[in-house]
């Protein structure tokens, strides 16, 4: 994988940045759609992460839109 390693903190920070929130405010286990994460932003995340070598698809992220689920998909430490 190229780029930075995936961590829960990194995923949380990237989501927070997209939503204009503080990373500490982003819950690990809640549906991020309820926080305003729409499909366009989700697609942007998937593209960014794939560009870094992650084998993750938009649909995988959309099926379980929570930081902890994505951390599992991305093999986050």
N, C-alpha and C. Protein backbone atom coordinates (compact mmCIF):
# COMPACT_ATOMS: atom_id res chain seq x y z
N UNK A 1 0.84 -1.17 0.00
CA UNK A 1 0.00 0.00 0.00
C UNK A 1 0.89 1.23 0.00
N UNK A 2 0.51 2.20 -0.80
CA UNK A 2 1.25 3.45 -0.80
C UNK A 2 0.59 4.41 0.17
N UNK A 3 1.23 5.52 0.44
CA UNK A 3 0.63 6.53 1.32
C UNK A 3 0.71 6.12 2.78
N UNK A 4 -0.04 6.83 3.58
CA UNK A 4 -0.07 6.59 5.02
C UNK A 4 -0.85 5.32 5.34
N UNK A 5 -0.47 4.68 6.43
CA UNK A 5 -1.21 3.51 6.89
C UNK A 5 -2.57 3.95 7.40
N UNK A 6 -3.52 3.07 7.29
CA UNK A 6 -4.86 3.37 7.78
C UNK A 6 -4.95 3.06 9.27
N UNK A 7 -5.43 4.02 10.01
CA UNK A 7 -5.69 3.86 11.44
C UNK A 7 -7.09 4.37 11.70
N UNK A 8 -7.63 3.99 12.82
CA UNK A 8 -8.95 4.49 13.20
C UNK A 8 -8.91 6.02 13.28
N UNK A 9 -7.83 6.55 13.84
CA UNK A 9 -7.71 8.00 13.98
C UNK A 9 -7.67 8.69 12.63
N UNK A 10 -6.96 8.10 11.69
CA UNK A 10 -6.89 8.70 10.35
C UNK A 10 -8.25 8.68 9.67
N UNK A 11 -8.94 7.55 9.72
CA UNK A 11 -10.25 7.44 9.10
C UNK A 11 -11.19 8.47 9.71
N UNK A 12 -11.18 8.54 11.01
CA UNK A 12 -12.02 9.49 11.74
C UNK A 12 -11.71 10.93 11.34
N UNK A 13 -10.42 11.25 11.23
CA UNK A 13 -10.00 12.60 10.87
C UNK A 13 -10.43 12.96 9.45
N UNK A 14 -10.32 12.01 8.53
CA UNK A 14 -10.72 12.29 7.15
C UNK A 14 -12.22 12.48 7.04
N UNK A 15 -12.98 11.69 7.77
CA UNK A 15 -14.44 11.86 7.78
C UNK A 15 -14.80 13.21 8.41
N UNK A 16 -14.17 13.53 9.51
CA UNK A 16 -14.43 14.80 10.19
C UNK A 16 -14.14 15.97 9.28
N UNK A 17 -13.05 15.89 8.53
CA UNK A 17 -12.68 16.95 7.61
C UNK A 17 -13.77 17.15 6.55
N UNK A 18 -14.27 16.06 6.01
CA UNK A 18 -15.32 16.14 5.00
C UNK A 18 -16.62 16.74 5.56
N UNK A 19 -16.87 16.48 6.83
CA UNK A 19 -18.12 16.92 7.45
C UNK A 19 -17.99 18.24 8.20
N UNK A 20 -16.77 18.77 8.29
CA UNK A 20 -16.57 20.00 9.02
C UNK A 20 -16.78 19.84 10.51
N UNK A 21 -16.39 18.69 11.03
CA UNK A 21 -16.55 18.37 12.45
C UNK A 21 -15.18 18.17 13.09
N UNK A 22 -15.17 18.13 14.40
CA UNK A 22 -13.98 17.77 15.16
C UNK A 22 -13.85 16.24 15.12
N UNK A 23 -12.66 15.71 14.88
CA UNK A 23 -12.52 14.24 14.83
C UNK A 23 -13.06 13.54 16.08
N UNK A 24 -12.87 14.15 17.25
CA UNK A 24 -13.34 13.53 18.48
C UNK A 24 -14.87 13.43 18.54
N UNK A 25 -15.55 14.23 17.75
CA UNK A 25 -17.01 14.22 17.72
C UNK A 25 -17.57 13.09 16.86
N UNK A 26 -16.76 12.56 15.97
CA UNK A 26 -17.22 11.52 15.06
C UNK A 26 -17.24 10.18 15.80
N UNK A 27 -18.42 9.58 15.93
CA UNK A 27 -18.52 8.30 16.65
C UNK A 27 -17.93 7.16 15.83
N UNK A 28 -17.44 6.16 16.53
CA UNK A 28 -16.85 5.01 15.85
C UNK A 28 -17.90 4.04 15.32
N UNK A 29 -19.03 3.96 16.00
CA UNK A 29 -19.99 2.91 15.69
C UNK A 29 -21.33 3.39 15.14
N UNK A 30 -21.45 4.68 14.85
CA UNK A 30 -22.73 5.19 14.34
C UNK A 30 -22.71 5.32 12.83
N UNK A 31 -23.89 5.28 12.25
CA UNK A 31 -24.07 5.43 10.81
C UNK A 31 -23.67 6.85 10.42
N UNK A 32 -22.65 6.97 9.59
CA UNK A 32 -22.14 8.28 9.21
C UNK A 32 -23.08 9.04 8.29
N UNK A 33 -24.03 8.35 7.68
CA UNK A 33 -25.04 9.04 6.88
C UNK A 33 -25.89 9.93 7.80
N UNK A 34 -26.10 9.48 9.02
CA UNK A 34 -26.85 10.27 10.00
C UNK A 34 -26.09 11.53 10.39
N UNK A 35 -24.81 11.56 10.12
CA UNK A 35 -23.97 12.71 10.42
C UNK A 35 -23.80 13.62 9.21
N UNK A 36 -24.42 13.23 8.11
CA UNK A 36 -24.38 14.06 6.91
C UNK A 36 -23.44 13.59 5.83
N UNK A 37 -22.86 12.40 5.98
CA UNK A 37 -21.98 11.87 4.95
C UNK A 37 -22.83 11.35 3.80
N UNK A 38 -22.79 12.07 2.69
CA UNK A 38 -23.60 11.68 1.54
C UNK A 38 -22.79 10.83 0.56
N UNK A 39 -23.45 10.35 -0.48
CA UNK A 39 -22.80 9.44 -1.42
C UNK A 39 -21.65 10.10 -2.18
N UNK A 40 -21.75 11.38 -2.46
CA UNK A 40 -20.67 12.07 -3.18
C UNK A 40 -19.41 12.09 -2.33
N UNK A 41 -19.55 12.42 -1.07
CA UNK A 41 -18.39 12.44 -0.17
C UNK A 41 -17.84 11.04 0.05
N UNK A 42 -18.74 10.08 0.15
CA UNK A 42 -18.33 8.69 0.34
C UNK A 42 -17.56 8.20 -0.89
N UNK A 43 -18.01 8.58 -2.06
CA UNK A 43 -17.32 8.21 -3.28
C UNK A 43 -15.92 8.83 -3.31
N UNK A 44 -15.81 10.07 -2.86
CA UNK A 44 -14.51 10.74 -2.82
C UNK A 44 -13.54 10.02 -1.88
N UNK A 45 -14.05 9.58 -0.73
CA UNK A 45 -13.21 8.82 0.20
C UNK A 45 -12.74 7.52 -0.43
N UNK A 46 -13.67 6.80 -1.04
CA UNK A 46 -13.32 5.52 -1.67
C UNK A 46 -12.25 5.73 -2.74
N UNK A 47 -12.40 6.75 -3.56
CA UNK A 47 -11.42 7.04 -4.61
C UNK A 47 -10.06 7.39 -4.02
N UNK A 48 -10.06 8.23 -2.99
CA UNK A 48 -8.80 8.63 -2.35
C UNK A 48 -8.09 7.42 -1.78
N UNK A 49 -8.83 6.58 -1.08
CA UNK A 49 -8.22 5.41 -0.45
C UNK A 49 -7.74 4.39 -1.48
N UNK A 50 -8.50 4.22 -2.56
CA UNK A 50 -8.05 3.31 -3.62
C UNK A 50 -6.78 3.83 -4.29
N UNK A 51 -6.69 5.14 -4.45
CA UNK A 51 -5.49 5.74 -5.04
C UNK A 51 -4.25 5.46 -4.18
N UNK A 52 -4.47 5.22 -2.90
CA UNK A 52 -3.38 4.90 -1.98
C UNK A 52 -3.14 3.39 -1.87
N UNK A 53 -3.89 2.62 -2.64
CA UNK A 53 -3.66 1.19 -2.65
C UNK A 53 -4.66 0.35 -1.88
N UNK A 54 -5.63 0.98 -1.25
CA UNK A 54 -6.64 0.22 -0.51
C UNK A 54 -7.55 -0.50 -1.48
N UNK A 55 -7.86 -1.72 -1.16
CA UNK A 55 -8.79 -2.49 -1.98
C UNK A 55 -10.17 -2.40 -1.35
N UNK A 56 -10.81 -1.29 -1.62
CA UNK A 56 -12.12 -1.04 -1.04
C UNK A 56 -12.99 -0.36 -2.10
N UNK A 57 -14.24 -0.77 -2.14
CA UNK A 57 -15.18 -0.22 -3.12
C UNK A 57 -16.20 0.67 -2.42
N UNK A 58 -16.74 1.58 -3.19
CA UNK A 58 -17.78 2.47 -2.69
C UNK A 58 -18.89 1.67 -2.02
N UNK A 59 -19.34 0.61 -2.67
CA UNK A 59 -20.45 -0.19 -2.14
C UNK A 59 -20.12 -0.79 -0.77
N UNK A 60 -18.89 -1.23 -0.59
CA UNK A 60 -18.48 -1.78 0.70
C UNK A 60 -18.60 -0.73 1.80
N UNK A 61 -18.17 0.49 1.49
CA UNK A 61 -18.26 1.57 2.47
C UNK A 61 -19.71 1.94 2.73
N UNK A 62 -20.51 1.97 1.68
CA UNK A 62 -21.91 2.36 1.81
C UNK A 62 -22.74 1.34 2.59
N UNK A 63 -22.38 0.07 2.49
CA UNK A 63 -23.13 -0.98 3.19
C UNK A 63 -23.02 -0.87 4.71
N UNK A 64 -21.87 -0.44 5.18
CA UNK A 64 -21.63 -0.30 6.63
C UNK A 64 -20.92 1.02 6.89
N UNK A 65 -21.67 2.13 6.85
CA UNK A 65 -21.04 3.45 6.97
C UNK A 65 -20.72 3.86 8.40
N UNK A 66 -19.72 3.21 8.96
CA UNK A 66 -19.27 3.52 10.32
C UNK A 66 -17.75 3.41 10.36
N UNK A 67 -17.11 4.23 11.14
CA UNK A 67 -15.65 4.25 11.23
C UNK A 67 -15.12 2.86 11.59
N UNK A 68 -15.72 2.21 12.57
CA UNK A 68 -15.19 0.91 12.99
C UNK A 68 -15.31 -0.14 11.90
N UNK A 69 -16.37 -0.09 11.11
CA UNK A 69 -16.53 -1.04 10.00
C UNK A 69 -15.49 -0.77 8.92
N UNK A 70 -15.25 0.50 8.64
CA UNK A 70 -14.25 0.85 7.63
C UNK A 70 -12.85 0.50 8.09
N UNK A 71 -12.59 0.66 9.37
CA UNK A 71 -11.28 0.31 9.91
C UNK A 71 -11.02 -1.17 9.68
N UNK A 72 -12.03 -1.97 9.87
CA UNK A 72 -11.91 -3.42 9.64
C UNK A 72 -11.64 -3.70 8.16
N UNK A 73 -12.40 -3.05 7.27
CA UNK A 73 -12.21 -3.23 5.83
C UNK A 73 -10.82 -2.83 5.37
N UNK A 74 -10.31 -1.76 5.93
CA UNK A 74 -9.03 -1.20 5.52
C UNK A 74 -7.84 -1.80 6.26
N UNK A 75 -8.12 -2.71 7.19
CA UNK A 75 -7.04 -3.32 7.97
C UNK A 75 -6.33 -2.33 8.86
N UNK A 76 -7.11 -1.38 9.38
CA UNK A 76 -6.54 -0.31 10.21
C UNK A 76 -5.97 -0.87 11.51
N UNK A 77 -4.93 -0.22 11.94
CA UNK A 77 -4.29 -0.61 13.21
C UNK A 77 -4.80 0.25 14.33
